[in-house]
Structure formats: C-alpha cells, structure tokens
PDB file of N, CA and C in Angstrom:
ATOM      1  N   UNK A   1       0.910  -1.244  -0.006  1.00  0.00           N
ATOM      2  CA  UNK A   1       0.051   0.105  -0.175  1.00  0.00           C
ATOM      3  C   UNK A   1       1.098   1.179  -0.256  1.00  0.00           C
ATOM      4  N   UNK A   2       0.487   2.193  -1.022  1.00  0.00           N
ATOM      5  CA  UNK A   2       1.426   3.325  -1.160  1.00  0.00           C
ATOM      6  C   UNK A   2       0.786   4.244   0.148  1.00  0.00           C
ATOM      7  N   UNK A   3       1.767   5.221   0.593  1.00  0.00           N
ATOM      8  CA  UNK A   3       1.288   6.283   1.528  1.00  0.00           C
ATOM      9  C   UNK A   3       0.130   7.224   0.776  1.00  0.00           C
ATOM     10  N   UNK A   4      -0.018   7.074  -0.418  1.00  0.00           N
ATOM     11  CA  UNK A   4      -1.221   8.003  -0.815  1.00  0.00           C
ATOM     12  C   UNK A   4      -2.526   7.256  -0.450  1.00  0.00           C
ATOM     13  N   UNK A   5      -2.398   6.012  -0.651  1.00  0.00           N
ATOM     14  CA  UNK A   5      -3.461   5.324  -0.360  1.00  0.00           C
ATOM     15  C   UNK A   5      -4.000   5.337   1.355  1.00  0.00           C
ATOM     16  N   UNK A   6      -3.021   5.234   2.039  1.00  0.00           N
ATOM     17  CA  UNK A   6      -3.274   5.088   3.801  1.00  0.00           C
ATOM     18  C   UNK A   6      -3.727   6.167   4.038  1.00  0.00           C
ATOM     19  N   UNK A   7      -3.822   7.491   3.217  1.00  0.00           N
ATOM     20  CA  UNK A   7      -4.579   8.703   3.665  1.00  0.00           C
ATOM     21  C   UNK A   7      -6.170   8.235   3.898  1.00  0.00           C
ATOM     22  N   UNK A   8      -6.517   7.327   3.326  1.00  0.00           N
ATOM     23  CA  UNK A   8      -7.769   7.024   3.274  1.00  0.00           C
ATOM     24  C   UNK A   8      -8.288   6.446   4.458  1.00  0.00           C
ATOM     25  N   UNK A   9      -7.247   6.046   5.537  1.00  0.00           N
ATOM     26  CA  UNK A   9      -7.930   5.429   6.584  1.00  0.00           C
ATOM     27  C   UNK A   9      -7.535   6.271   7.875  1.00  0.00           C
ATOM     28  N   UNK A  10      -7.464   7.657   7.734  1.00  0.00           N
ATOM     29  CA  UNK A  10      -7.280   8.581   8.779  1.00  0.00           C
ATOM     30  C   UNK A  10      -8.663   9.015   8.952  1.00  0.00           C
ATOM     31  N   UNK A  11      -8.971   8.735  10.211  1.00  0.00           N
ATOM     32  CA  UNK A  11     -10.571   8.552  10.829  1.00  0.00           C
ATOM     33  C   UNK A  11     -10.878  10.084  11.272  1.00  0.00           C
ATOM     34  N   UNK A  12      -9.966  10.712  11.631  1.00  0.00           N
ATOM     35  CA  UNK A  12     -10.095  12.131  12.217  1.00  0.00           C
ATOM     36  C   UNK A  12      -9.073  13.121  11.630  1.00  0.00           C
ATOM     37  N   UNK A  13      -9.671  14.478  11.963  1.00  0.00           N
ATOM     38  CA  UNK A  13      -8.627  15.566  11.469  1.00  0.00           C
ATOM     39  C   UNK A  13      -7.127  15.201  12.461  1.00  0.00           C
ATOM     40  N   UNK A  14      -7.085  15.015  13.565  1.00  0.00           N
ATOM     41  CA  UNK A  14      -6.108  14.892  14.121  1.00  0.00           C
ATOM     42  C   UNK A  14      -5.426  13.865  13.820  1.00  0.00           C
ATOM     43  N   UNK A  15      -5.892  12.717  13.517  1.00  0.00           N
ATOM     44  CA  UNK A  15      -4.986  11.894  12.824  1.00  0.00           C
ATOM     45  C   UNK A  15      -4.348  11.929  11.518  1.00  0.00           C
ATOM     46  N   UNK A  16      -5.206  12.946  10.621  1.00  0.00           N
ATOM     47  CA  UNK A  16      -4.640  12.945   9.528  1.00  0.00           C
ATOM     48  C   UNK A  16      -3.635  14.218   9.580  1.00  0.00           C
ATOM     49  N   UNK A  17      -3.498  15.190  10.572  1.00  0.00           N
ATOM     50  CA  UNK A  17      -2.696  16.307  11.069  1.00  0.00           C
ATOM     51  C   UNK A  17      -1.333  15.299  11.255  1.00  0.00           C
ATOM     52  N   UNK A  18      -1.503  14.322  12.261  1.00  0.00           N
ATOM     53  CA  UNK A  18      -0.339  13.506  12.884  1.00  0.00           C
ATOM     54  C   UNK A  18       0.586  12.816  11.572  1.00  0.00           C
ATOM     55  N   UNK A  19      -0.287  12.015  10.646  1.00  0.00           N
ATOM     56  CA  UNK A  19       0.122  11.863   9.390  1.00  0.00           C
ATOM     57  C   UNK A  19       1.002  12.600   8.892  1.00  0.00           C
ATOM     58  N   UNK A  20       0.488  13.912   8.480  1.00  0.00           N
ATOM     59  CA  UNK A  20       1.172  14.785   7.493  1.00  0.00           C
ATOM     60  C   UNK A  20       2.557  15.156   8.218  1.00  0.00           C
ATOM     61  N   UNK A  21       2.477  15.576   9.581  1.00  0.00           N
ATOM     62  CA  UNK A  21       3.615  15.888  10.272  1.00  0.00           C
ATOM     63  C   UNK A  21       4.830  14.848  10.263  1.00  0.00           C
ATOM     64  N   UNK A  22       4.319  13.582  10.198  1.00  0.00           N
ATOM     65  CA  UNK A  22       5.442  12.576  10.352  1.00  0.00           C
ATOM     66  C   UNK A  22       5.888  12.535   8.516  1.00  0.00           C
ATOM     67  N   UNK A  23       5.005  12.601   7.521  1.00  0.00           N
ATOM     68  CA  UNK A  23       5.476  12.438   6.165  1.00  0.00           C
ATOM     69  C   UNK A  23       6.191  13.679   6.015  1.00  0.00           C
ATOM     70  N   UNK A  24       5.856  14.836   6.477  1.00  0.00           N
ATOM     71  CA  UNK A  24       6.648  15.812   6.063  1.00  0.00           C
ATOM     72  C   UNK A  24       8.070  15.901   6.893  1.00  0.00           C
ATOM     73  N   UNK A  25       8.289  15.435   7.987  1.00  0.00           N
ATOM     74  CA  UNK A  25       9.398  15.062   8.628  1.00  0.00           C
ATOM     75  C   UNK A  25      10.335  13.948   7.911  1.00  0.00           C
ATOM     76  N   UNK A  26       9.780  13.074   7.391  1.00  0.00           N
ATOM     77  CA  UNK A  26      10.417  12.080   6.777  1.00  0.00           C
ATOM     78  C   UNK A  26      11.119  12.546   5.181  1.00  0.00           C
ATOM     79  N   UNK A  27      10.342  13.413   4.681  1.00  0.00           N
ATOM     80  CA  UNK A  27      10.616  14.138   3.314  1.00  0.00           C
ATOM     81  C   UNK A  27      11.754  15.340   3.677  1.00  0.00           C
ATOM     82  N   UNK A  28      11.782  15.876   4.706  1.00  0.00           N
ATOM     83  CA  UNK A  28      12.876  16.899   5.248  1.00  0.00           C
ATOM     84  C   UNK A  28      13.879  16.066   5.221  1.00  0.00           C
ATOM     85  N   UNK A  29      13.986  14.807   6.143  1.00  0.00           N
ATOM     86  CA  UNK A  29      15.261  13.966   6.281  1.00  0.00           C
ATOM     87  C   UNK A  29      15.964  13.741   4.938  1.00  0.00           C
ATOM     88  N   UNK A  30      14.955  13.184   4.009  1.00  0.00           N
ATOM     89  CA  UNK A  30      15.346  13.198   2.679  1.00  0.00           C
ATOM     90  C   UNK A  30      16.045  14.146   1.844  1.00  0.00           C
ATOM     91  N   UNK A  31      15.513  15.381   2.190  1.00  0.00           N
ATOM     92  CA  UNK A  31      16.196  16.436   1.367  1.00  0.00           C
ATOM     93  C   UNK A  31      17.329  16.952   2.328  1.00  0.00           C
ATOM     94  N   UNK A  32      17.605  16.960   3.347  1.00  0.00           N
ATOM     95  CA  UNK A  32      18.726  17.282   4.152  1.00  0.00           C
ATOM     96  C   UNK A  32      19.791  16.128   4.611  1.00  0.00           C
ATOM     97  N   UNK A  33      19.402  15.046   3.411  1.00  0.00           N
ATOM     98  CA  UNK A  33      20.189  13.920   3.194  1.00  0.00           C
ATOM     99  C   UNK A  33      20.569  13.270   4.850  1.00  0.00           C
ATOM    100  N   UNK A  34      19.464  12.967   5.468  1.00  0.00           N
ATOM    101  CA  UNK A  34      19.829  12.407   6.898  1.00  0.00           C
ATOM    102  C   UNK A  34      18.857  11.230   6.658  1.00  0.00           C
ATOM    103  N   UNK A  35      19.390  10.012   6.989  1.00  0.00           N
ATOM    104  CA  UNK A  35      18.646   8.682   7.256  1.00  0.00           C
ATOM    105  C   UNK A  35      17.391   8.887   8.073  1.00  0.00           C
ATOM    106  N   UNK A  36      16.246   8.727   7.508  1.00  0.00           N
ATOM    107  CA  UNK A  36      14.804   8.739   8.236  1.00  0.00           C
ATOM    108  C   UNK A  36      14.964   8.017   9.739  1.00  0.00           C
ATOM    109  N   UNK A  37      15.315   6.756   9.424  1.00  0.00           N
ATOM    110  CA  UNK A  37      15.692   5.748  10.724  1.00  0.00           C
ATOM    111  C   UNK A  37      16.109   6.040  11.646  1.00  0.00           C
ATOM    112  N   UNK A  38      17.633   6.883  11.250  1.00  0.00           N
ATOM    113  CA  UNK A  38      18.796   6.965  12.295  1.00  0.00           C
ATOM    114  C   UNK A  38      17.974   8.456  13.178  1.00  0.00           C
ATOM    115  N   UNK A  39      17.362   9.273  12.066  1.00  0.00           N
ATOM    116  CA  UNK A  39      16.734  10.454  12.762  1.00  0.00           C
ATOM    117  C   UNK A  39      15.760  10.120  13.770  1.00  0.00           C
ATOM    118  N   UNK A  40      14.813   9.295  13.509  1.00  0.00           N
ATOM    119  CA  UNK A  40      13.535   8.924  14.257  1.00  0.00           C
ATOM    120  C   UNK A  40      14.390   8.330  15.790  1.00  0.00           C
ATOM    121  N   UNK A  41      15.439   7.328  15.508  1.00  0.00           N
ATOM    122  CA  UNK A  41      15.950   6.678  16.691  1.00  0.00           C
ATOM    123  C   UNK A  41      16.831   7.887  17.520  1.00  0.00           C
ATOM    124  N   UNK A  42      17.231   8.626  17.016  1.00  0.00           N
ATOM    125  CA  UNK A  42      17.805   9.761  17.676  1.00  0.00           C
ATOM    126  C   UNK A  42      16.761  10.646  18.210  1.00  0.00           C
ATOM    127  N   UNK A  43      15.863  11.136  17.843  1.00  0.00           N
ATOM    128  CA  UNK A  43      14.736  11.844  18.397  1.00  0.00           C
ATOM    129  C   UNK A  43      14.114  11.405  19.324  1.00  0.00           C
ATOM    130  N   UNK A  44      13.476  10.071  19.135  1.00  0.00           N
ATOM    131  CA  UNK A  44      12.677   9.364  20.188  1.00  0.00           C
ATOM    132  C   UNK A  44      13.611   8.737  21.349  1.00  0.00           C
ATOM    133  N   UNK A  45      15.096   8.748  21.477  1.00  0.00           N
ATOM    134  CA  UNK A  45      15.863   9.018  22.346  1.00  0.00           C
ATOM    135  C   UNK A  45      16.239  10.094  23.079  1.00  0.00           C
ATOM    136  N   UNK A  46      15.890  11.142  22.467  1.00  0.00           N
ATOM    137  CA  UNK A  46      16.356  12.271  22.934  1.00  0.00           C
ATOM    138  C   UNK A  46      15.228  12.829  23.611  1.00  0.00           C
ATOM    139  N   UNK A  47      13.941  12.934  23.030  1.00  0.00           N
ATOM    140  CA  UNK A  47      12.779  13.519  23.468  1.00  0.00           C
ATOM    141  C   UNK A  47      12.263  13.240  25.098  1.00  0.00           C
ATOM    142  N   UNK A  48      12.278  12.014  25.420  1.00  0.00           N
ATOM    143  CA  UNK A  48      11.935  11.690  26.668  1.00  0.00           C
ATOM    144  C   UNK A  48      13.139  12.064  27.885  1.00  0.00           C
ATOM    145  N   UNK A  49      14.239  12.888  27.423  1.00  0.00           N
ATOM    146  CA  UNK A  49      15.039  13.326  28.286  1.00  0.00           C
ATOM    147  C   UNK A  49      14.912  14.848  28.498  1.00  0.00           C
ATOM    148  N   UNK A  50      13.818  15.289  27.642  1.00  0.00           N
ATOM    149  CA  UNK A  50      13.694  16.731  27.649  1.00  0.00           C
ATOM    150  C   UNK A  50      12.265  17.199  28.714  1.00  0.00           C
ATOM    151  N   UNK A  51      12.595  18.451  29.153  1.00  0.00           N
ATOM    152  CA  UNK A  51      11.339  18.955  29.985  1.00  0.00           C
ATOM    153  C   UNK A  51      10.367  19.248  29.057  1.00  0.00           C
ATOM    154  N   UNK A  52       9.026  19.050  29.564  1.00  0.00           N
ATOM    155  CA  UNK A  52       7.726  19.438  28.695  1.00  0.00           C
ATOM    156  C   UNK A  52       7.720  20.641  28.258  1.00  0.00           C
ATOM    157  N   UNK A  53       7.631  21.164  27.075  1.00  0.00           N
ATOM    158  CA  UNK A  53       7.509  22.465  26.943  1.00  0.00           C
ATOM    159  C   UNK A  53       8.931  23.182  26.135  1.00  0.00           C
ATOM    160  N   UNK A  54       9.898  22.042  26.365  1.00  0.00           N
ATOM    161  CA  UNK A  54      11.086  22.597  26.199  1.00  0.00           C
ATOM    162  C   UNK A  54      11.584  22.875  24.331  1.00  0.00           C
ATOM    163  N   UNK A  55      12.329  23.724  24.060  1.00  0.00           N
ATOM    164  CA  UNK A  55      12.896  23.991  22.669  1.00  0.00           C
ATOM    165  C   UNK A  55      13.242  22.732  22.152  1.00  0.00           C
ATOM    166  N   UNK A  56      12.763  22.359  21.029  1.00  0.00           N
ATOM    167  CA  UNK A  56      13.200  20.970  20.344  1.00  0.00           C
ATOM    168  C   UNK A  56      13.786  21.211  19.012  1.00  0.00           C
ATOM    169  N   UNK A  57      14.010  22.801  18.682  1.00  0.00           N
ATOM    170  CA  UNK A  57      14.243  23.159  17.187  1.00  0.00           C
ATOM    171  C   UNK A  57      15.451  22.378  16.865  1.00  0.00           C
ATOM    172  N   UNK A  58      15.962  22.070  17.812  1.00  0.00           N
ATOM    173  CA  UNK A  58      17.685  21.560  17.656  1.00  0.00           C
ATOM    174  C   UNK A  58      17.299  20.081  17.106  1.00  0.00           C
ATOM    175  N   UNK A  59      16.053  19.317  16.928  1.00  0.00           N
ATOM    176  CA  UNK A  59      15.948  18.292  16.759  1.00  0.00           C
ATOM    177  C   UNK A  59      15.060  17.953  15.607  1.00  0.00           C
ATOM    178  N   UNK A  60      15.083  19.109  14.894  1.00  0.00           N
ATOM    179  CA  UNK A  60      14.661  19.159  13.076  1.00  0.00           C
ATOM    180  C   UNK A  60      15.592  18.738  12.603  1.00  0.00           C
ATOM    181  N   UNK A  61      15.340  17.797  11.359  1.00  0.00           N
ATOM    182  CA  UNK A  61      16.092  17.094  10.617  1.00  0.00           C
ATOM    183  C   UNK A  61      17.310  18.201   9.863  1.00  0.00           C
ATOM    184  N   UNK A  62      17.122  19.262   9.874  1.00  0.00           N
ATOM    185  CA  UNK A  62      18.084  20.173   9.087  1.00  0.00           C
ATOM    186  C   UNK A  62      19.139  20.685  10.105  1.00  0.00           C
ATOM    187  N   UNK A  63      18.535  20.443  11.482  1.00  0.00           N
ATOM    188  CA  UNK A  63      19.660  20.889  12.539  1.00  0.00           C
ATOM    189  C   UNK A  63      20.336  19.676  12.883  1.00  0.00           C
ATOM    190  N   UNK A  64      19.883  18.604  12.850  1.00  0.00           N
ATOM    191  CA  UNK A  64      20.474  17.557  13.419  1.00  0.00           C
ATOM    192  C   UNK A  64      21.322  16.388  12.633  1.00  0.00           C
ATOM    193  N   UNK A  65      21.410  16.792  11.342  1.00  0.00           N
ATOM    194  CA  UNK A  65      22.334  16.062  10.585  1.00  0.00           C
ATOM    195  C   UNK A  65      23.608  16.007  10.861  1.00  0.00           C
ATOM    196  N   UNK A  66      24.249  17.132  11.336  1.00  0.00           N
ATOM    197  CA  UNK A  66      25.655  17.264  11.778  1.00  0.00           C
ATOM    198  C   UNK A  66      25.972  16.165  12.781  1.00  0.00           C
ATOM    199  N   UNK A  67      24.849  16.271  13.843  1.00  0.00           N
ATOM    200  CA  UNK A  67      25.291  15.399  15.008  1.00  0.00           C
ATOM    201  C   UNK A  67      25.034  14.075  14.497  1.00  0.00           C
ATOM    202  N   UNK A  68      24.347  13.473  13.844  1.00  0.00           N
ATOM    203  CA  UNK A  68      24.054  11.953  13.317  1.00  0.00           C
ATOM    204  C   UNK A  68      25.638  11.958  12.301  1.00  0.00           C
ATOM    205  N   UNK A  69      26.093  12.668  11.516  1.00  0.00           N
ATOM    206  CA  UNK A  69      27.024  12.570  10.879  1.00  0.00           C
ATOM    207  C   UNK A  69      28.291  12.424  11.949  1.00  0.00           C
ATOM    208  N   UNK A  70      28.506  13.041  12.753  1.00  0.00           N
ATOM    209  CA  UNK A  70      29.727  12.810  13.829  1.00  0.00           C
ATOM    210  C   UNK A  70      29.656  11.313  14.293  1.00  0.00           C
ATOM    211  N   UNK A  71      28.411  10.576  14.721  1.00  0.00           N
ATOM    212  CA  UNK A  71      28.352   9.463  15.214  1.00  0.00           C
ATOM    213  C   UNK A  71      28.648   8.326  14.154  1.00  0.00           C
ATOM    214  N   UNK A  72      28.735   8.453  12.855  1.00  0.00           N
ATOM    215  CA  UNK A  72      28.861   7.494  11.965  1.00  0.00           C
ATOM    216  C   UNK A  72      30.271   7.310  11.919  1.00  0.00           C
ATOM    217  N   UNK A  73      30.820   5.941  11.987  1.00  0.00           N
ATOM    218  CA  UNK A  73      32.227   5.588  11.842  1.00  0.00           C
ATOM    219  C   UNK A  73      32.746   5.858  10.311  1.00  0.00           C
ATOM    220  N   UNK A  74      33.913   6.251  10.252  1.00  0.00           N
ATOM    221  CA  UNK A  74      34.499   6.369   8.821  1.00  0.00           C
ATOM    222  C   UNK A  74      34.914   5.217   8.271  1.00  0.00           C
ATOM    223  N   UNK A  75      34.513   4.866   7.080  1.00  0.00           N
ATOM    224  CA  UNK A  75      35.208   3.788   6.422  1.00  0.00           C
ATOM    225  C   UNK A  75      36.397   4.210   5.651  1.00  0.00           C
ATOM    226  N   UNK A  76      37.687   3.623   5.813  1.00  0.00           N
ATOM    227  CA  UNK A  76      38.688   4.134   4.827  1.00  0.00           C
ATOM    228  C   UNK A  76      38.933   2.873   3.583  1.00  0.00           C
TER     229      UNK A  76
END
C-alpha cells in the first residue's frame, strides 16, 4: 500500500494532521540527506530526556544532520 492510499484510513482530523507531520519530517530528512530511521531513533531517544515544553528546534532534520554525521564511523 502506498502512502497516498493510506490517507484513506485517517478517521479524524487529528490523525490526518499527525500523519502529515510524520510524512513532512521524513521528506525533510531526505532533502537534508539524513537517514530517516537514524533520525527517528535519535529523536525518540532524546525527547524523553527533555522537559515538557522545552525547545526542540535542534531536533529538526536540518539541525540534527551534523550530530548524526559525527556518530557514523568513517570507512577508509
């Protein structure tokens, strides 16, 4: 099933907005050359450590790319 067809199963406006947010983040990852799975792992590890209402702009894909790149081992 393609993502386009899965929109048919959003039962509520809140569900549709949540889906749109996730799709938007994943496409932004692609545009910023950030691996979406690595991005989600990093964000879902970091978010529980933050206070409610804390600034999370540093966790956006275009800001987190350098941090993820530093963690990757370099192959020679």
